[in-house]
Amino acid sequence: METLPDYLRAGLEIVSIGLNPSLPSVRDGFYFANPRNRFWRAVAASRLAPGLPPPGPDAVEH
């Protein structure tokens, strides 16, 4: 089964831990690829990452 790489590294301020990436995420090449995923609403509501770009590879690497 295809999957996505782990992005853990020293110095991260926020780490999201979830289950295996969805098929759309694997297809599109980044975690939480579906912009309707609850993850994006939860991050926005938490105010932990102000100015987070819209859902996409840049937001995941932000």
PDB file of N, CA and C in Angstrom:
ATOM      1  N   MET A   1       0.843  -1.183   0.000  1.00  0.00           N
ATOM      2  CA  MET A   1       0.000   0.000   0.000  1.00  0.00           C
ATOM      3  C   MET A   1       0.886   1.243   0.000  1.00  0.00           C
ATOM      4  N   GLU A   2       0.539   2.187  -0.836  1.00  0.00           N
ATOM      5  CA  GLU A   2       1.265   3.452  -0.847  1.00  0.00           C
ATOM      6  C   GLU A   2       0.902   4.265   0.380  1.00  0.00           C
ATOM      7  N   THR A   3       1.817   5.102   0.801  1.00  0.00           N
ATOM      8  CA  THR A   3       1.564   5.983   1.938  1.00  0.00           C
ATOM      9  C   THR A   3       2.374   7.257   1.740  1.00  0.00           C
ATOM     10  N   LEU A   4       2.429   8.084   2.744  1.00  0.00           N
ATOM     11  CA  LEU A   4       3.189   9.329   2.703  1.00  0.00           C
ATOM     12  C   LEU A   4       4.317   9.258   3.718  1.00  0.00           C
ATOM     13  N   PRO A   5       5.383  10.023   3.521  1.00  0.00           N
ATOM     14  CA  PRO A   5       6.500   9.989   4.471  1.00  0.00           C
ATOM     15  C   PRO A   5       6.153  10.686   5.775  1.00  0.00           C
ATOM     16  N   ASP A   6       6.883  10.350   6.815  1.00  0.00           N
ATOM     17  CA  ASP A   6       6.771  11.062   8.090  1.00  0.00           C
ATOM     18  C   ASP A   6       7.567  12.357   7.986  1.00  0.00           C
ATOM     19  N   TYR A   7       7.103  13.386   8.675  1.00  0.00           N
ATOM     20  CA  TYR A   7       7.789  14.675   8.638  1.00  0.00           C
ATOM     21  C   TYR A   7       8.263  15.114  10.016  1.00  0.00           C
ATOM     22  N   LEU A   8       8.409  14.191  10.945  1.00  0.00           N
ATOM     23  CA  LEU A   8       8.880  14.554  12.277  1.00  0.00           C
ATOM     24  C   LEU A   8      10.339  14.982  12.222  1.00  0.00           C
ATOM     25  N   ARG A   9      10.639  16.052  12.935  1.00  0.00           N
ATOM     26  CA  ARG A   9      12.019  16.532  13.033  1.00  0.00           C
ATOM     27  C   ARG A   9      12.133  17.370  14.297  1.00  0.00           C
ATOM     28  N   ALA A  10      13.332  17.611  14.721  1.00  0.00           N
ATOM     29  CA  ALA A  10      13.569  18.417  15.922  1.00  0.00           C
ATOM     30  C   ALA A  10      13.064  19.840  15.704  1.00  0.00           C
ATOM     31  N   GLY A  11      12.536  20.437  16.772  1.00  0.00           N
ATOM     32  CA  GLY A  11      12.134  21.835  16.739  1.00  0.00           C
ATOM     33  C   GLY A  11      10.704  22.109  16.319  1.00  0.00           C
ATOM     34  N   LEU A  12       9.918  21.086  16.046  1.00  0.00           N
ATOM     35  CA  LEU A  12       8.521  21.318  15.685  1.00  0.00           C
ATOM     36  C   LEU A  12       7.760  21.857  16.890  1.00  0.00           C
ATOM     37  N   GLU A  13       6.913  22.832  16.665  1.00  0.00           N
ATOM     38  CA  GLU A  13       6.107  23.379  17.755  1.00  0.00           C
ATOM     39  C   GLU A  13       4.766  22.677  17.878  1.00  0.00           C
ATOM     40  N   ILE A  14       4.244  22.171  16.777  1.00  0.00           N
ATOM     41  CA  ILE A  14       2.956  21.481  16.769  1.00  0.00           C
ATOM     42  C   ILE A  14       3.123  20.195  15.975  1.00  0.00           C
ATOM     43  N   VAL A  15       2.606  19.095  16.512  1.00  0.00           N
ATOM     44  CA  VAL A  15       2.629  17.816  15.808  1.00  0.00           C
ATOM     45  C   VAL A  15       1.212  17.266  15.819  1.00  0.00           C
ATOM     46  N   SER A  16       0.710  16.927  14.654  1.00  0.00           N
ATOM     47  CA  SER A  16      -0.608  16.308  14.537  1.00  0.00           C
ATOM     48  C   SER A  16      -0.396  14.818  14.312  1.00  0.00           C
ATOM     49  N   ILE A  17      -1.039  14.021  15.138  1.00  0.00           N
ATOM     50  CA  ILE A  17      -0.890  12.577  15.028  1.00  0.00           C
ATOM     51  C   ILE A  17      -2.240  11.996  14.640  1.00  0.00           C
ATOM     52  N   GLY A  18      -2.247  11.258  13.559  1.00  0.00           N
ATOM     53  CA  GLY A  18      -3.491  10.673  13.086  1.00  0.00           C
ATOM     54  C   GLY A  18      -3.253   9.258  12.605  1.00  0.00           C
ATOM     55  N   LEU A  19      -4.285   8.713  12.007  1.00  0.00           N
ATOM     56  CA  LEU A  19      -4.187   7.368  11.441  1.00  0.00           C
ATOM     57  C   LEU A  19      -3.543   7.449  10.068  1.00  0.00           C
ATOM     58  N   ASN A  20      -3.584   6.365   9.356  1.00  0.00           N
ATOM     59  CA  ASN A  20      -3.009   6.336   8.014  1.00  0.00           C
ATOM     60  C   ASN A  20      -3.621   7.430   7.152  1.00  0.00           C
ATOM     61  N   PRO A  21      -2.846   7.990   6.219  1.00  0.00           N
ATOM     62  CA  PRO A  21      -3.397   9.024   5.344  1.00  0.00           C
ATOM     63  C   PRO A  21      -4.491   8.449   4.440  1.00  0.00           C
ATOM     64  N   SER A  22      -5.431   9.298   4.083  1.00  0.00           N
ATOM     65  CA  SER A  22      -6.520   8.871   3.205  1.00  0.00           C
ATOM     66  C   SER A  22      -5.996   8.627   1.791  1.00  0.00           C
ATOM     67  N   LEU A  23      -6.775   7.923   1.000  1.00  0.00           N
ATOM     68  CA  LEU A  23      -6.385   7.686  -0.387  1.00  0.00           C
ATOM     69  C   LEU A  23      -6.229   9.000  -1.159  1.00  0.00           C
ATOM     70  N   PRO A  24      -7.143   9.988  -0.986  1.00  0.00           N
ATOM     71  CA  PRO A  24      -6.921  11.272  -1.671  1.00  0.00           C
ATOM     72  C   PRO A  24      -5.625  11.952  -1.235  1.00  0.00           C
ATOM     73  N   SER A  25      -5.257  11.824   0.031  1.00  0.00           N
ATOM     74  CA  SER A  25      -4.003  12.419   0.500  1.00  0.00           C
ATOM     75  C   SER A  25      -2.806  11.767  -0.175  1.00  0.00           C
ATOM     76  N   VAL A  26      -2.819  10.448  -0.260  1.00  0.00           N
ATOM     77  CA  VAL A  26      -1.719   9.744  -0.925  1.00  0.00           C
ATOM     78  C   VAL A  26      -1.681  10.140  -2.400  1.00  0.00           C
ATOM     79  N   ARG A  27      -2.836  10.191  -3.029  1.00  0.00           N
ATOM     80  CA  ARG A  27      -2.904  10.552  -4.452  1.00  0.00           C
ATOM     81  C   ARG A  27      -2.366  11.964  -4.695  1.00  0.00           C
ATOM     82  N   ASP A  28      -2.741  12.917  -3.808  1.00  0.00           N
ATOM     83  CA  ASP A  28      -2.350  14.315  -3.997  1.00  0.00           C
ATOM     84  C   ASP A  28      -0.973  14.631  -3.427  1.00  0.00           C
ATOM     85  N   GLY A  29      -0.438  13.722  -2.587  1.00  0.00           N
ATOM     86  CA  GLY A  29       0.927  13.870  -2.111  1.00  0.00           C
ATOM     87  C   GLY A  29       1.111  14.675  -0.844  1.00  0.00           C
ATOM     88  N   PHE A  30       0.018  14.948  -0.103  1.00  0.00           N
ATOM     89  CA  PHE A  30       0.172  15.640   1.179  1.00  0.00           C
ATOM     90  C   PHE A  30      -0.953  15.247   2.126  1.00  0.00           C
ATOM     91  N   TYR A  31      -0.640  15.286   3.418  1.00  0.00           N
ATOM     92  CA  TYR A  31      -1.610  14.903   4.447  1.00  0.00           C
ATOM     93  C   TYR A  31      -2.788  15.870   4.475  1.00  0.00           C
ATOM     94  N   PHE A  32      -3.957  15.360   4.856  1.00  0.00           N
ATOM     95  CA  PHE A  32      -5.174  16.165   4.994  1.00  0.00           C
ATOM     96  C   PHE A  32      -5.495  16.886   3.686  1.00  0.00           C
ATOM     97  N   ALA A  33      -5.378  16.181   2.566  1.00  0.00           N
ATOM     98  CA  ALA A  33      -5.544  16.783   1.239  1.00  0.00           C
ATOM     99  C   ALA A  33      -6.958  17.293   0.991  1.00  0.00           C
ATOM    100  N   ASN A  34      -7.944  16.715   1.626  1.00  0.00           N
ATOM    101  CA  ASN A  34      -9.319  17.162   1.409  1.00  0.00           C
ATOM    102  C   ASN A  34      -9.550  18.462   2.171  1.00  0.00           C
ATOM    103  N   PRO A  35      -9.832  19.578   1.479  1.00  0.00           N
ATOM    104  CA  PRO A  35     -10.030  20.851   2.176  1.00  0.00           C
ATOM    105  C   PRO A  35     -11.228  20.832   3.130  1.00  0.00           C
ATOM    106  N   ARG A  36     -12.115  19.840   2.984  1.00  0.00           N
ATOM    107  CA  ARG A  36     -13.265  19.726   3.894  1.00  0.00           C
ATOM    108  C   ARG A  36     -12.941  18.882   5.124  1.00  0.00           C
ATOM    109  N   ASN A  37     -11.717  18.384   5.210  1.00  0.00           N
ATOM    110  CA  ASN A  37     -11.310  17.567   6.349  1.00  0.00           C
ATOM    111  C   ASN A  37     -11.452  18.374   7.639  1.00  0.00           C
ATOM    112  N   ARG A  38     -11.982  17.767   8.669  1.00  0.00           N
ATOM    113  CA  ARG A  38     -12.182  18.446   9.955  1.00  0.00           C
ATOM    114  C   ARG A  38     -10.877  19.014  10.521  1.00  0.00           C
ATOM    115  N   PHE A  39      -9.756  18.441  10.147  1.00  0.00           N
ATOM    116  CA  PHE A  39      -8.453  18.909  10.615  1.00  0.00           C
ATOM    117  C   PHE A  39      -8.292  20.408  10.379  1.00  0.00           C
ATOM    118  N   TRP A  40      -8.649  20.885   9.187  1.00  0.00           N
ATOM    119  CA  TRP A  40      -8.444  22.299   8.852  1.00  0.00           C
ATOM    120  C   TRP A  40      -9.313  23.208   9.710  1.00  0.00           C
ATOM    121  N   ARG A  41     -10.556  22.818   9.958  1.00  0.00           N
ATOM    122  CA  ARG A  41     -11.438  23.624  10.827  1.00  0.00           C
ATOM    123  C   ARG A  41     -10.911  23.632  12.253  1.00  0.00           C
ATOM    124  N   ALA A  42     -10.403  22.483  12.708  1.00  0.00           N
ATOM    125  CA  ALA A  42      -9.877  22.399  14.075  1.00  0.00           C
ATOM    126  C   ALA A  42      -8.631  23.263  14.239  1.00  0.00           C
ATOM    127  N   VAL A  43      -7.739  23.255  13.268  1.00  0.00           N
ATOM    128  CA  VAL A  43      -6.532  24.090  13.347  1.00  0.00           C
ATOM    129  C   VAL A  43      -6.919  25.563  13.348  1.00  0.00           C
ATOM    130  N   ALA A  44      -7.838  25.947  12.473  1.00  0.00           N
ATOM    131  CA  ALA A  44      -8.268  27.349  12.420  1.00  0.00           C
ATOM    132  C   ALA A  44      -8.922  27.765  13.732  1.00  0.00           C
ATOM    133  N   ALA A  45      -9.780  26.916  14.281  1.00  0.00           N
ATOM    134  CA  ALA A  45     -10.479  27.241  15.527  1.00  0.00           C
ATOM    135  C   ALA A  45      -9.524  27.300  16.713  1.00  0.00           C
ATOM    136  N   SER A  46      -8.450  26.534  16.670  1.00  0.00           N
ATOM    137  CA  SER A  46      -7.514  26.497  17.796  1.00  0.00           C
ATOM    138  C   SER A  46      -6.666  27.760  17.889  1.00  0.00           C
ATOM    139  N   ARG A  47      -6.515  28.453  16.779  1.00  0.00           N
ATOM    140  CA  ARG A  47      -5.670  29.652  16.695  1.00  0.00           C
ATOM    141  C   ARG A  47      -4.210  29.342  17.034  1.00  0.00           C
ATOM    142  N   LEU A  48      -3.823  28.085  16.919  1.00  0.00           N
ATOM    143  CA  LEU A  48      -2.431  27.694  17.169  1.00  0.00           C
ATOM    144  C   LEU A  48      -1.523  28.052  15.998  1.00  0.00           C
ATOM    145  N   ALA A  49      -2.089  28.199  14.832  1.00  0.00           N
ATOM    146  CA  ALA A  49      -1.290  28.484  13.639  1.00  0.00           C
ATOM    147  C   ALA A  49      -1.914  29.647  12.876  1.00  0.00           C
ATOM    148  N   PRO A  50      -1.832  30.876  13.429  1.00  0.00           N
ATOM    149  CA  PRO A  50      -2.437  32.011  12.735  1.00  0.00           C
ATOM    150  C   PRO A  50      -1.783  32.230  11.375  1.00  0.00           C
ATOM    151  N   GLY A  51      -2.585  32.623  10.419  1.00  0.00           N
ATOM    152  CA  GLY A  51      -2.062  32.876   9.089  1.00  0.00           C
ATOM    153  C   GLY A  51      -1.743  31.624   8.304  1.00  0.00           C
ATOM    154  N   LEU A  52      -2.296  30.493   8.725  1.00  0.00           N
ATOM    155  CA  LEU A  52      -2.045  29.240   8.021  1.00  0.00           C
ATOM    156  C   LEU A  52      -2.568  29.355   6.595  1.00  0.00           C
ATOM    157  N   PRO A  53      -1.758  28.978   5.602  1.00  0.00           N
ATOM    158  CA  PRO A  53      -2.231  29.022   4.216  1.00  0.00           C
ATOM    159  C   PRO A  53      -3.415  28.080   4.022  1.00  0.00           C
ATOM    160  N   PRO A  54      -4.133  28.217   2.910  1.00  0.00           N
ATOM    161  CA  PRO A  54      -5.245  27.295   2.635  1.00  0.00           C
ATOM    162  C   PRO A  54      -4.746  25.855   2.557  1.00  0.00           C
ATOM    163  N   PRO A  55      -5.641  24.873   2.714  1.00  0.00           N
ATOM    164  CA  PRO A  55      -5.234  23.474   2.655  1.00  0.00           C
ATOM    165  C   PRO A  55      -4.398  23.176   1.416  1.00  0.00           C
ATOM    166  N   GLY A  56      -3.266  22.568   1.644  1.00  0.00           N
ATOM    167  CA  GLY A  56      -2.365  22.210   0.553  1.00  0.00           C
ATOM    168  C   GLY A  56      -0.987  21.900   1.098  1.00  0.00           C
ATOM    169  N   PRO A  57      -0.053  21.553   0.222  1.00  0.00           N
ATOM    170  CA  PRO A  57       1.295  21.198   0.688  1.00  0.00           C
ATOM    171  C   PRO A  57       1.957  22.303   1.504  1.00  0.00           C
ATOM    172  N   ASP A  58       1.755  23.571   1.135  1.00  0.00           N
ATOM    173  CA  ASP A  58       2.384  24.667   1.880  1.00  0.00           C
ATOM    174  C   ASP A  58       1.876  24.734   3.314  1.00  0.00           C
ATOM    175  N   ALA A  59       0.592  24.489   3.507  1.00  0.00           N
ATOM    176  CA  ALA A  59       0.024  24.539   4.855  1.00  0.00           C
ATOM    177  C   ALA A  59       0.554  23.402   5.714  1.00  0.00           C
ATOM    178  N   VAL A  60       0.703  22.242   5.137  1.00  0.00           N
ATOM    179  CA  VAL A  60       1.185  21.084   5.886  1.00  0.00           C
ATOM    180  C   VAL A  60       2.641  21.288   6.299  1.00  0.00           C
ATOM    181  N   GLU A  61       3.428  21.942   5.467  1.00  0.00           N
ATOM    182  CA  GLU A  61       4.838  22.173   5.768  1.00  0.00           C
ATOM    183  C   GLU A  61       5.044  23.425   6.602  1.00  0.00           C
ATOM    184  N   HIS A  62       4.024  24.236   6.773  1.00  0.00           N
ATOM    185  CA  HIS A  62       4.104  25.527   7.477  1.00  0.00           C
ATOM    186  C   HIS A  62       4.504  25.351   8.925  1.00  0.00           C
TER     187      HIS A  62
END
